[in-house]
Structures are given as structure tokens and as C-alpha cells.
């Protein structure tokens, strides 16, 4: 199927194709996992998410910090 779109790949996969898969696996996939977890936490605590977790317990870090 790949040869339909990239006919010059008969000798093997080029390095940019491998780098693209590394980028997806090393950056995009973990970002999606972290983003999904953050959305789940925000949906479980809608009031805290609305005010930026300012009233939450400071012993756990939710990713929101107030800069003075």
C-alpha cells in the first residue's frame, strides 16, 4: 500500500520516515496520554479547574502555579 504513494521506497524506508515514527512515538503519543489524564482530572473537579486549582491542597501538583 505504501508503494502506491511512495514508489521510490522499494529499497527500504528512508530515514525521514523512521524519524517521523520516532517523533509520533516519543512526542505525540505521550502528549496525548498526559492531555487525556489532565482532561479527566479537570472533568472530575470542574470547580477547581475553573479557578485554576488555587483552593486545592498544595501537597499535590496539578500543573498550575501562580506567578507572583
Protein backbone atom coordinates (compact mmCIF):
# COMPACT_ATOMS: atom_id res chain seq x y z
CA UNK A 1 0.00 0.00 0.00
CA UNK A 2 2.86 2.37 0.80
CA UNK A 3 4.35 1.87 -2.67
CA UNK A 4 1.23 3.45 -4.20
CA UNK A 5 2.10 6.78 -2.60
CA UNK A 6 5.90 6.47 -2.33
CA UNK A 7 7.15 4.36 -5.27
CA UNK A 8 10.82 5.16 -4.62
CA UNK A 9 10.77 3.20 -1.34
CA UNK A 10 11.44 -0.19 -2.95
CA UNK A 11 14.96 -0.34 -1.45
CA UNK A 12 13.78 0.28 2.10
CA UNK A 13 12.38 3.01 4.27
CA UNK A 14 14.15 6.38 4.17
CA UNK A 15 15.49 7.87 7.36
CA UNK A 16 12.91 10.70 7.42
CA UNK A 17 10.12 8.12 7.56
CA UNK A 18 11.77 6.49 10.58
CA UNK A 19 12.28 9.89 12.19
CA UNK A 20 8.60 10.66 11.67
CA UNK A 21 7.61 7.49 13.51
CA UNK A 22 10.06 8.29 16.30
CA UNK A 23 8.50 11.76 16.61
CA UNK A 24 4.99 10.27 16.83
CA UNK A 25 6.06 7.65 19.37
CA UNK A 26 8.27 9.86 21.52
CA UNK A 27 6.36 13.15 21.50
CA UNK A 28 2.80 12.98 20.19
CA UNK A 29 1.72 9.74 21.90
CA UNK A 30 2.92 10.75 25.42
CA UNK A 31 1.44 14.23 24.94
CA UNK A 32 -1.94 12.69 24.14
CA UNK A 33 -1.74 10.47 27.23
CA UNK A 34 -0.88 13.42 29.51
CA UNK A 35 -3.55 15.60 27.90
CA UNK A 36 -6.22 12.91 28.36
CA UNK A 37 -5.28 12.47 32.04
CA UNK A 38 -5.41 16.24 32.61
CA UNK A 39 -8.84 16.47 30.97
CA UNK A 40 -10.07 13.59 33.13
CA UNK A 41 -8.86 15.31 36.32
CA UNK A 42 -10.44 18.59 35.20
CA UNK A 43 -13.76 16.88 34.44
CA UNK A 44 -13.76 15.28 37.89
CA UNK A 45 -13.07 18.65 39.57
CA UNK A 46 -14.86 21.28 37.43
CA UNK A 47 -14.98 23.91 40.18
CA UNK A 48 -11.27 23.59 40.96
CA UNK A 49 -10.40 23.67 37.26
CA UNK A 50 -12.43 26.86 36.85
CA UNK A 51 -10.38 28.76 39.44
CA UNK A 52 -7.02 27.23 38.47
CA UNK A 53 -6.75 24.87 41.47
CA UNK A 54 -5.99 27.81 43.79
CA UNK A 55 -8.01 26.32 46.68
CA UNK A 56 -6.64 22.81 46.38
CA UNK A 57 -4.18 21.09 48.66
CA UNK A 58 -0.62 22.28 47.96
CA UNK A 59 0.94 18.88 48.68
CA UNK A 60 0.00 17.64 45.19
CA UNK A 61 0.91 19.40 41.98
CA UNK A 62 -1.77 19.78 39.31
CA UNK A 63 0.36 21.71 36.83
CA UNK A 64 -0.96 25.15 37.72
CA UNK A 65 1.28 27.63 39.52
CA UNK A 66 0.52 31.22 40.33
CA UNK A 67 3.41 33.52 39.42
CA UNK A 68 3.90 36.39 41.85
